[in-house]
Amino acid sequence: MSDRIPAEIWIGGKIAASLVPGLCAAIADEGICLEWGDARVRPAGADDLTDAMKENAQGVRLLWFCDDEASYGEFDVLEPFLQKNDIPFTVQSG
């Protein structure tokens, strides 16, 4: 049994159109939300990803998702996809 820890992920950088379907699938498989305590999001394309954009503390608009119960505060499906495709991201967990 894993420890469940609230976590958020900020995803930035230019994302090639060819990676959007895979990114959407990874987000859906991860079972993450657009707001704390909200329903899981299942983006179907680039337009749906636009809904997930928020300004960070520096005023830069990035993709943002959260999970109230991330396994060990990590995103086991999404993080490997982002690393494999050289898409920058930051994870914060409590």
PDB file of N, CA and C in Angstrom:
ATOM      1  N   MET A   1       0.842  -1.177   0.000  1.00  0.00           N
ATOM      2  CA  MET A   1       0.000   0.000   0.000  1.00  0.00           C
ATOM      3  C   MET A   1       0.883   1.234   0.000  1.00  0.00           C
ATOM      4  N   SER A   2       0.577   2.173  -0.845  1.00  0.00           N
ATOM      5  CA  SER A   2       1.387   3.378  -0.954  1.00  0.00           C
ATOM      6  C   SER A   2       0.787   4.506  -0.123  1.00  0.00           C
ATOM      7  N   ASP A   3       1.665   5.423   0.261  1.00  0.00           N
ATOM      8  CA  ASP A   3       1.208   6.629   0.946  1.00  0.00           C
ATOM      9  C   ASP A   3       0.557   7.545  -0.073  1.00  0.00           C
ATOM     10  N   ARG A   4      -0.588   8.075   0.271  1.00  0.00           N
ATOM     11  CA  ARG A   4      -1.325   8.985  -0.608  1.00  0.00           C
ATOM     12  C   ARG A   4      -1.091  10.406  -0.128  1.00  0.00           C
ATOM     13  N   ILE A   5      -0.512  11.221  -1.012  1.00  0.00           N
ATOM     14  CA  ILE A   5      -0.117  12.573  -0.665  1.00  0.00           C
ATOM     15  C   ILE A   5      -0.664  13.532  -1.720  1.00  0.00           C
ATOM     16  N   PRO A   6      -1.253  14.661  -1.314  1.00  0.00           N
ATOM     17  CA  PRO A   6      -1.685  15.655  -2.302  1.00  0.00           C
ATOM     18  C   PRO A   6      -0.482  16.154  -3.110  1.00  0.00           C
ATOM     19  N   ALA A   7      -0.671  16.278  -4.420  1.00  0.00           N
ATOM     20  CA  ALA A   7       0.410  16.743  -5.286  1.00  0.00           C
ATOM     21  C   ALA A   7      -0.165  17.539  -6.450  1.00  0.00           C
ATOM     22  N   GLU A   8       0.661  18.435  -6.966  1.00  0.00           N
ATOM     23  CA  GLU A   8       0.286  19.200  -8.148  1.00  0.00           C
ATOM     24  C   GLU A   8       1.446  19.147  -9.135  1.00  0.00           C
ATOM     25  N   ILE A   9       1.110  19.295 -10.408  1.00  0.00           N
ATOM     26  CA  ILE A   9       2.126  19.276 -11.447  1.00  0.00           C
ATOM     27  C   ILE A   9       1.910  20.446 -12.393  1.00  0.00           C
ATOM     28  N   TRP A  10       2.990  21.162 -12.660  1.00  0.00           N
ATOM     29  CA  TRP A  10       3.013  22.267 -13.608  1.00  0.00           C
ATOM     30  C   TRP A  10       3.775  21.782 -14.833  1.00  0.00           C
ATOM     31  N   ILE A  11       3.185  21.924 -16.000  1.00  0.00           N
ATOM     32  CA  ILE A  11       3.794  21.463 -17.246  1.00  0.00           C
ATOM     33  C   ILE A  11       3.957  22.661 -18.165  1.00  0.00           C
ATOM     34  N   GLY A  12       5.157  22.854 -18.669  1.00  0.00           N
ATOM     35  CA  GLY A  12       5.410  24.014 -19.507  1.00  0.00           C
ATOM     36  C   GLY A  12       6.194  23.673 -20.752  1.00  0.00           C
ATOM     37  N   GLY A  13       6.600  24.707 -21.436  1.00  0.00           N
ATOM     38  CA  GLY A  13       7.363  24.520 -22.658  1.00  0.00           C
ATOM     39  C   GLY A  13       6.456  24.324 -23.855  1.00  0.00           C
ATOM     40  N   LYS A  14       7.075  24.307 -25.013  1.00  0.00           N
ATOM     41  CA  LYS A  14       6.328  24.106 -26.250  1.00  0.00           C
ATOM     42  C   LYS A  14       6.078  22.612 -26.416  1.00  0.00           C
ATOM     43  N   ILE A  15       4.832  22.266 -26.626  1.00  0.00           N
ATOM     44  CA  ILE A  15       4.458  20.857 -26.799  1.00  0.00           C
ATOM     45  C   ILE A  15       4.075  20.655 -28.260  1.00  0.00           C
ATOM     46  N   ALA A  16       4.804  19.797 -28.932  1.00  0.00           N
ATOM     47  CA  ALA A  16       4.551  19.529 -30.347  1.00  0.00           C
ATOM     48  C   ALA A  16       3.149  18.951 -30.527  1.00  0.00           C
ATOM     49  N   ALA A  17       2.494  19.353 -31.596  1.00  0.00           N
ATOM     50  CA  ALA A  17       1.135  18.860 -31.878  1.00  0.00           C
ATOM     51  C   ALA A  17       1.106  17.341 -31.936  1.00  0.00           C
ATOM     52  N   SER A  18       2.175  16.727 -32.396  1.00  0.00           N
ATOM     53  CA  SER A  18       2.218  15.261 -32.498  1.00  0.00           C
ATOM     54  C   SER A  18       2.216  14.583 -31.130  1.00  0.00           C
ATOM     55  N   LEU A  19       2.574  15.322 -30.066  1.00  0.00           N
ATOM     56  CA  LEU A  19       2.600  14.757 -28.714  1.00  0.00           C
ATOM     57  C   LEU A  19       1.291  14.957 -27.954  1.00  0.00           C
ATOM     58  N   VAL A  20       0.409  15.813 -28.466  1.00  0.00           N
ATOM     59  CA  VAL A  20      -0.833  16.126 -27.757  1.00  0.00           C
ATOM     60  C   VAL A  20      -1.681  14.884 -27.485  1.00  0.00           C
ATOM     61  N   PRO A  21      -1.914  13.986 -28.458  1.00  0.00           N
ATOM     62  CA  PRO A  21      -2.719  12.801 -28.146  1.00  0.00           C
ATOM     63  C   PRO A  21      -2.114  11.942 -27.029  1.00  0.00           C
ATOM     64  N   GLY A  22      -0.807  11.759 -27.053  1.00  0.00           N
ATOM     65  CA  GLY A  22      -0.148  10.981 -26.007  1.00  0.00           C
ATOM     66  C   GLY A  22      -0.215  11.665 -24.664  1.00  0.00           C
ATOM     67  N   LEU A  23      -0.058  12.992 -24.655  1.00  0.00           N
ATOM     68  CA  LEU A  23      -0.161  13.751 -23.417  1.00  0.00           C
ATOM     69  C   LEU A  23      -1.567  13.648 -22.842  1.00  0.00           C
ATOM     70  N   CYS A  24      -2.571  13.782 -23.704  1.00  0.00           N
ATOM     71  CA  CYS A  24      -3.963  13.656 -23.249  1.00  0.00           C
ATOM     72  C   CYS A  24      -4.222  12.267 -22.669  1.00  0.00           C
ATOM     73  N   ALA A  25      -3.693  11.244 -23.308  1.00  0.00           N
ATOM     74  CA  ALA A  25      -3.869   9.870 -22.819  1.00  0.00           C
ATOM     75  C   ALA A  25      -3.185   9.686 -21.467  1.00  0.00           C
ATOM     76  N   ALA A  26      -1.973  10.234 -21.320  1.00  0.00           N
ATOM     77  CA  ALA A  26      -1.257  10.105 -20.051  1.00  0.00           C
ATOM     78  C   ALA A  26      -2.001  10.828 -18.926  1.00  0.00           C
ATOM     79  N   ILE A  27      -2.554  11.993 -19.224  1.00  0.00           N
ATOM     80  CA  ILE A  27      -3.326  12.738 -18.229  1.00  0.00           C
ATOM     81  C   ILE A  27      -4.570  11.948 -17.822  1.00  0.00           C
ATOM     82  N   ALA A  28      -5.268  11.410 -18.810  1.00  0.00           N
ATOM     83  CA  ALA A  28      -6.478  10.625 -18.520  1.00  0.00           C
ATOM     84  C   ALA A  28      -6.133   9.369 -17.720  1.00  0.00           C
ATOM     85  N   ASP A  29      -5.045   8.698 -18.096  1.00  0.00           N
ATOM     86  CA  ASP A  29      -4.636   7.476 -17.385  1.00  0.00           C
ATOM     87  C   ASP A  29      -4.204   7.775 -15.960  1.00  0.00           C
ATOM     88  N   GLU A  30      -3.650   8.954 -15.748  1.00  0.00           N
ATOM     89  CA  GLU A  30      -3.175   9.337 -14.410  1.00  0.00           C
ATOM     90  C   GLU A  30      -4.345   9.564 -13.464  1.00  0.00           C
ATOM     91  N   GLY A  31      -5.477   9.998 -14.003  1.00  0.00           N
ATOM     92  CA  GLY A  31      -6.644  10.241 -13.149  1.00  0.00           C
ATOM     93  C   GLY A  31      -6.493  11.489 -12.298  1.00  0.00           C
ATOM     94  N   ILE A  32      -6.064  12.584 -12.915  1.00  0.00           N
ATOM     95  CA  ILE A  32      -5.834  13.824 -12.184  1.00  0.00           C
ATOM     96  C   ILE A  32      -6.951  14.832 -12.451  1.00  0.00           C
ATOM     97  N   CYS A  33      -6.921  15.932 -11.706  1.00  0.00           N
ATOM     98  CA  CYS A  33      -8.019  16.902 -11.726  1.00  0.00           C
ATOM     99  C   CYS A  33      -7.533  18.296 -12.129  1.00  0.00           C
ATOM    100  N   LEU A  34      -8.508  19.139 -12.474  1.00  0.00           N
ATOM    101  CA  LEU A  34      -8.234  20.546 -12.760  1.00  0.00           C
ATOM    102  C   LEU A  34      -8.336  21.409 -11.511  1.00  0.00           C
ATOM    103  N   GLU A  35      -8.973  20.904 -10.477  1.00  0.00           N
ATOM    104  CA  GLU A  35      -9.121  21.614  -9.201  1.00  0.00           C
ATOM    105  C   GLU A  35      -9.073  20.587  -8.078  1.00  0.00           C
ATOM    106  N   TRP A  36      -8.620  20.991  -6.907  1.00  0.00           N
ATOM    107  CA  TRP A  36      -8.577  20.096  -5.749  1.00  0.00           C
ATOM    108  C   TRP A  36      -9.977  19.594  -5.441  1.00  0.00           C
ATOM    109  N   GLY A  37     -10.111  18.303  -5.230  1.00  0.00           N
ATOM    110  CA  GLY A  37     -11.394  17.700  -4.878  1.00  0.00           C
ATOM    111  C   GLY A  37     -12.379  17.618  -6.018  1.00  0.00           C
ATOM    112  N   ASP A  38     -11.941  17.874  -7.223  1.00  0.00           N
ATOM    113  CA  ASP A  38     -12.808  17.897  -8.400  1.00  0.00           C
ATOM    114  C   ASP A  38     -12.807  16.518  -9.079  1.00  0.00           C
ATOM    115  N   ALA A  39     -13.634  16.399 -10.092  1.00  0.00           N
ATOM    116  CA  ALA A  39     -13.699  15.166 -10.874  1.00  0.00           C
ATOM    117  C   ALA A  39     -12.441  15.019 -11.731  1.00  0.00           C
ATOM    118  N   ARG A  40     -12.110  13.787 -12.046  1.00  0.00           N
ATOM    119  CA  ARG A  40     -10.952  13.496 -12.896  1.00  0.00           C
ATOM    120  C   ARG A  40     -11.179  14.054 -14.296  1.00  0.00           C
ATOM    121  N   VAL A  41     -10.114  14.548 -14.902  1.00  0.00           N
ATOM    122  CA  VAL A  41     -10.202  15.148 -16.228  1.00  0.00           C
ATOM    123  C   VAL A  41      -9.743  14.133 -17.280  1.00  0.00           C
ATOM    124  N   ARG A  42     -10.399  14.176 -18.441  1.00  0.00           N
ATOM    125  CA  ARG A  42     -10.057  13.298 -19.552  1.00  0.00           C
ATOM    126  C   ARG A  42      -9.983  14.144 -20.824  1.00  0.00           C
ATOM    127  N   PRO A  43      -8.884  14.886 -21.004  1.00  0.00           N
ATOM    128  CA  PRO A  43      -8.776  15.751 -22.181  1.00  0.00           C
ATOM    129  C   PRO A  43      -8.746  14.940 -23.466  1.00  0.00           C
ATOM    130  N   ALA A  44      -9.382  15.495 -24.500  1.00  0.00           N
ATOM    131  CA  ALA A  44      -9.446  14.809 -25.791  1.00  0.00           C
ATOM    132  C   ALA A  44      -8.539  15.459 -26.826  1.00  0.00           C
ATOM    133  N   GLY A  45      -8.054  16.666 -26.540  1.00  0.00           N
ATOM    134  CA  GLY A  45      -7.219  17.353 -27.516  1.00  0.00           C
ATOM    135  C   GLY A  45      -6.686  18.668 -26.976  1.00  0.00           C
ATOM    136  N   ALA A  46      -6.046  19.416 -27.867  1.00  0.00           N
ATOM    137  CA  ALA A  46      -5.400  20.667 -27.482  1.00  0.00           C
ATOM    138  C   ALA A  46      -6.379  21.661 -26.859  1.00  0.00           C
ATOM    139  N   ASP A  47      -7.607  21.712 -27.380  1.00  0.00           N
ATOM    140  CA  ASP A  47      -8.590  22.653 -26.817  1.00  0.00           C
ATOM    141  C   ASP A  47      -8.878  22.339 -25.356  1.00  0.00           C
ATOM    142  N   ASP A  48      -8.971  21.061 -25.028  1.00  0.00           N
ATOM    143  CA  ASP A  48      -9.215  20.670 -23.641  1.00  0.00           C
ATOM    144  C   ASP A  48      -8.028  21.027 -22.749  1.00  0.00           C
ATOM    145  N   LEU A  49      -6.821  20.947 -23.286  1.00  0.00           N
ATOM    146  CA  LEU A  49      -5.642  21.297 -22.493  1.00  0.00           C
ATOM    147  C   LEU A  49      -5.626  22.780 -22.152  1.00  0.00           C
ATOM    148  N   THR A  50      -6.176  23.609 -23.013  1.00  0.00           N
ATOM    149  CA  THR A  50      -6.235  25.042 -22.751  1.00  0.00           C
ATOM    150  C   THR A  50      -6.994  25.321 -21.456  1.00  0.00           C
ATOM    151  N   ASP A  51      -8.011  24.515 -21.160  1.00  0.00           N
ATOM    152  CA  ASP A  51      -8.784  24.678 -19.921  1.00  0.00           C
ATOM    153  C   ASP A  51      -7.936  24.437 -18.679  1.00  0.00           C
ATOM    154  N   ALA A  52      -6.826  23.741 -18.833  1.00  0.00           N
ATOM    155  CA  ALA A  52      -5.978  23.384 -17.691  1.00  0.00           C
ATOM    156  C   ALA A  52      -4.869  24.398 -17.443  1.00  0.00           C
ATOM    157  N   MET A  53      -4.868  25.497 -18.173  1.00  0.00           N
ATOM    158  CA  MET A  53      -3.788  26.471 -18.016  1.00  0.00           C
ATOM    159  C   MET A  53      -4.090  27.445 -16.877  1.00  0.00           C
ATOM    160  N   LYS A  54      -3.047  27.676 -16.062  1.00  0.00           N
ATOM    161  CA  LYS A  54      -3.123  28.628 -14.952  1.00  0.00           C
ATOM    162  C   LYS A  54      -1.830  29.426 -14.929  1.00  0.00           C
ATOM    163  N   GLU A  55      -1.894  30.586 -14.308  1.00  0.00           N
ATOM    164  CA  GLU A  55      -0.681  31.379 -14.116  1.00  0.00           C
ATOM    165  C   GLU A  55       0.049  30.895 -12.883  1.00  0.00           C
ATOM    166  N   ASN A  56       1.371  30.693 -13.023  1.00  0.00           N
ATOM    167  CA  ASN A  56       2.163  30.333 -11.854  1.00  0.00           C
ATOM    168  C   ASN A  56       2.554  31.604 -11.100  1.00  0.00           C
ATOM    169  N   ALA A  57       3.372  31.478 -10.081  1.00  0.00           N
ATOM    170  CA  ALA A  57       3.757  32.626  -9.246  1.00  0.00           C
ATOM    171  C   ALA A  57       4.517  33.693 -10.027  1.00  0.00           C
ATOM    172  N   GLN A  58       5.132  33.308 -11.141  1.00  0.00           N
ATOM    173  CA  GLN A  58       5.876  34.253 -11.968  1.00  0.00           C
ATOM    174  C   GLN A  58       5.013  34.860 -13.073  1.00  0.00           C
ATOM    175  N   GLY A  59       3.738  34.527 -13.103  1.00  0.00           N
ATOM    176  CA  GLY A  59       2.824  35.071 -14.100  1.00  0.00           C
ATOM    177  C   GLY A  59       2.876  34.375 -15.450  1.00  0.00           C
ATOM    178  N   VAL A  60       3.475  33.187 -15.499  1.00  0.00           N
ATOM    179  CA  VAL A  60       3.577  32.416 -16.743  1.00  0.00           C
ATOM    180  C   VAL A  60       2.435  31.407 -16.791  1.00  0.00           C
ATOM    181  N   ARG A  61       1.739  31.357 -17.928  1.00  0.00           N
ATOM    182  CA  ARG A  61       0.636  30.394 -18.074  1.00  0.00           C
ATOM    183  C   ARG A  61       1.197  29.026 -18.441  1.00  0.00           C
ATOM    184  N   LEU A  62       0.865  28.035 -17.600  1.00  0.00           N
ATOM    185  CA  LEU A  62       1.319  26.656 -17.781  1.00  0.00           C
ATOM    186  C   LEU A  62       0.143  25.714 -17.572  1.00  0.00           C
ATOM    187  N   LEU A  63       0.297  24.484 -18.036  1.00  0.00           N
ATOM    188  CA  LEU A  63      -0.697  23.459 -17.720  1.00  0.00           C
ATOM    189  C   LEU A  63      -0.561  23.131 -16.239  1.00  0.00           C
ATOM    190  N   TRP A  64      -1.679  22.963 -15.551  1.00  0.00           N
ATOM    191  CA  TRP A  64      -1.657  22.662 -14.119  1.00  0.00           C
ATOM    192  C   TRP A  64      -2.702  21.611 -13.810  1.00  0.00           C
ATOM    193  N   PHE A  65      -2.297  20.585 -13.073  1.00  0.00           N
ATOM    194  CA  PHE A  65      -3.193  19.519 -12.640  1.00  0.00           C
ATOM    195  C   PHE A  65      -2.869  19.169 -11.192  1.00  0.00           C
ATOM    196  N   CYS A  66      -3.825  18.536 -10.526  1.00  0.00           N
ATOM    197  CA  CYS A  66      -3.605  18.137  -9.138  1.00  0.00           C
ATOM    198  C   CYS A  66      -4.234  16.779  -8.866  1.00  0.00           C
ATOM    199  N   ASP A  67      -3.792  16.184  -7.769  1.00  0.00           N
ATOM    200  CA  ASP A  67      -4.347  14.911  -7.304  1.00  0.00           C
ATOM    201  C   ASP A  67      -4.321  14.941  -5.778  1.00  0.00           C
ATOM    202  N   ASP A  68      -5.487  14.817  -5.165  1.00  0.00           N
ATOM    203  CA  ASP A  68      -5.585  14.825  -3.705  1.00  0.00           C
ATOM    204  C   ASP A  68      -4.911  13.606  -3.079  1.00  0.00           C
ATOM    205  N   GLU A  69      -4.765  12.539  -3.856  1.00  0.00           N
ATOM    206  CA  GLU A  69      -4.239  11.281  -3.322  1.00  0.00           C
ATOM    207  C   GLU A  69      -3.207  10.658  -4.263  1.00  0.00           C
ATOM    208  N   ALA A  70      -2.192  11.426  -4.629  1.00  0.00           N
ATOM    209  CA  ALA A  70      -1.139  10.910  -5.516  1.00  0.00           C
ATOM    210  C   ALA A  70      -0.279   9.903  -4.744  1.00  0.00           C
ATOM    211  N   SER A  71       0.025   8.798  -5.371  1.00  0.00           N
ATOM    212  CA  SER A  71       0.849   7.772  -4.750  1.00  0.00           C
ATOM    213  C   SER A  71       2.247   8.332  -4.478  1.00  0.00           C
ATOM    214  N   TYR A  72       2.587   8.445  -3.204  1.00  0.00           N
ATOM    215  CA  TYR A  72       3.858   9.026  -2.776  1.00  0.00           C
ATOM    216  C   TYR A  72       4.072  10.437  -3.333  1.00  0.00           C
ATOM    217  N   GLY A  73       2.991  11.132  -3.678  1.00  0.00           N
ATOM    218  CA  GLY A  73       3.092  12.487  -4.199  1.00  0.00           C
ATOM    219  C   GLY A  73       3.667  12.564  -5.599  1.00  0.00           C
ATOM    220  N   GLU A  74       3.561  11.464  -6.352  1.00  0.00           N
ATOM    221  CA  GLU A  74       4.121  11.400  -7.698  1.00  0.00           C
ATOM    222  C   GLU A  74       3.033  11.100  -8.721  1.00  0.00           C
ATOM    223  N   PHE A  75       3.347  11.376  -9.970  1.00  0.00           N
ATOM    224  CA  PHE A  75       2.452  11.094 -11.085  1.00  0.00           C
ATOM    225  C   PHE A  75       3.112  10.005 -11.935  1.00  0.00           C
ATOM    226  N   ASP A  76       2.817   8.752 -11.591  1.00  0.00           N
ATOM    227  CA  ASP A  76       3.530   7.589 -12.127  1.00  0.00           C
ATOM    228  C   ASP A  76       3.373   7.377 -13.629  1.00  0.00           C
ATOM    229  N   VAL A  77       2.306   7.855 -14.214  1.00  0.00           N
ATOM    230  CA  VAL A  77       2.097   7.705 -15.655  1.00  0.00           C
ATOM    231  C   VAL A  77       2.575   8.948 -16.394  1.00  0.00           C
ATOM    232  N   LEU A  78       2.212  10.104 -15.889  1.00  0.00           N
ATOM    233  CA  LEU A  78       2.479  11.359 -16.571  1.00  0.00           C
ATOM    234  C   LEU A  78       3.954  11.752 -16.553  1.00  0.00           C
ATOM    235  N   GLU A  79       4.615  11.624 -15.408  1.00  0.00           N
ATOM    236  CA  GLU A  79       6.019  12.036 -15.322  1.00  0.00           C
ATOM    237  C   GLU A  79       6.914  11.296 -16.322  1.00  0.00           C
ATOM    238  N   PRO A  80       6.819   9.966 -16.451  1.00  0.00           N
ATOM    239  CA  PRO A  80       7.657   9.286 -17.453  1.00  0.00           C
ATOM    240  C   PRO A  80       7.373   9.752 -18.884  1.00  0.00           C
ATOM    241  N   PHE A  81       6.101  10.022 -19.207  1.00  0.00           N
ATOM    242  CA  PHE A  81       5.771  10.529 -20.543  1.00  0.00           C
ATOM    243  C   PHE A  81       6.465  11.864 -20.786  1.00  0.00           C
ATOM    244  N   LEU A  82       6.388  12.760 -19.809  1.00  0.00           N
ATOM    245  CA  LEU A  82       6.995  14.076 -19.945  1.00  0.00           C
ATOM    246  C   LEU A  82       8.515  13.972 -20.066  1.00  0.00           C
ATOM    247  N   GLN A  83       9.130  13.129 -19.251  1.00  0.00           N
ATOM    248  CA  GLN A  83      10.586  12.948 -19.314  1.00  0.00           C
ATOM    249  C   GLN A  83      11.012  12.387 -20.666  1.00  0.00           C
ATOM    250  N   LYS A  84      10.313  11.375 -21.129  1.00  0.00           N
ATOM    251  CA  LYS A  84      10.650  10.730 -22.406  1.00  0.00           C
ATOM    252  C   LYS A  84      10.585  11.724 -23.564  1.00  0.00           C
ATOM    253  N   ASN A  85       9.662  12.667 -23.491  1.00  0.00           N
ATOM    254  CA  ASN A  85       9.440  13.615 -24.581  1.00  0.00           C
ATOM    255  C   ASN A  85      10.050  14.995 -24.316  1.00  0.00           C
ATOM    256  N   ASP A  86      10.916  15.076 -23.313  1.00  0.00           N
ATOM    257  CA  ASP A  86      11.626  16.329 -22.986  1.00  0.00           C
ATOM    258  C   ASP A  86      10.692  17.513 -22.791  1.00  0.00           C
ATOM    259  N   ILE A  87       9.576  17.270 -22.115  1.00  0.00           N
ATOM    260  CA  ILE A  87       8.634  18.341 -21.775  1.00  0.00           C
ATOM    261  C   ILE A  87       8.907  18.745 -20.329  1.00  0.00           C
ATOM    262  N   PRO A  88       9.257  20.005 -20.094  1.00  0.00           N
ATOM    263  CA  PRO A  88       9.580  20.425 -18.727  1.00  0.00           C
ATOM    264  C   PRO A  88       8.359  20.409 -17.806  1.00  0.00           C
ATOM    265  N   PHE A  89       8.610  20.038 -16.547  1.00  0.00           N
ATOM    266  CA  PHE A  89       7.529  20.009 -15.549  1.00  0.00           C
ATOM    267  C   PHE A  89       8.116  20.152 -14.159  1.00  0.00           C
ATOM    268  N   THR A  90       7.251  20.534 -13.233  1.00  0.00           N
ATOM    269  CA  THR A  90       7.603  20.626 -11.815  1.00  0.00           C
ATOM    270  C   THR A  90       6.479  19.981 -11.020  1.00  0.00           C
ATOM    271  N   VAL A  91       6.853  19.154 -10.064  1.00  0.00           N
ATOM    272  CA  VAL A  91       5.884  18.518  -9.160  1.00  0.00           C
ATOM    273  C   VAL A  91       6.087  19.093  -7.765  1.00  0.00           C
ATOM    274  N   GLN A  92       4.978  19.416  -7.123  1.00  0.00           N
ATOM    275  CA  GLN A  92       5.017  19.860  -5.735  1.00  0.00           C
ATOM    276  C   GLN A  92       4.063  18.973  -4.952  1.00  0.00           C
ATOM    277  N   SER A  93       4.545  18.453  -3.833  1.00  0.00           N
ATOM    278  CA  SER A  93       3.675  17.604  -3.012  1.00  0.00           C
ATOM    279  C   SER A  93       3.842  17.968  -1.554  1.00  0.00           C
ATOM    280  N   GLY A  94       2.803  17.662  -0.797  1.00  0.00           N
ATOM    281  CA  GLY A  94       2.813  18.024   0.618  1.00  0.00           C
ATOM    282  C   GLY A  94       2.847  16.810   1.412  1.00  0.00           C
TER     283      GLY A  94
END
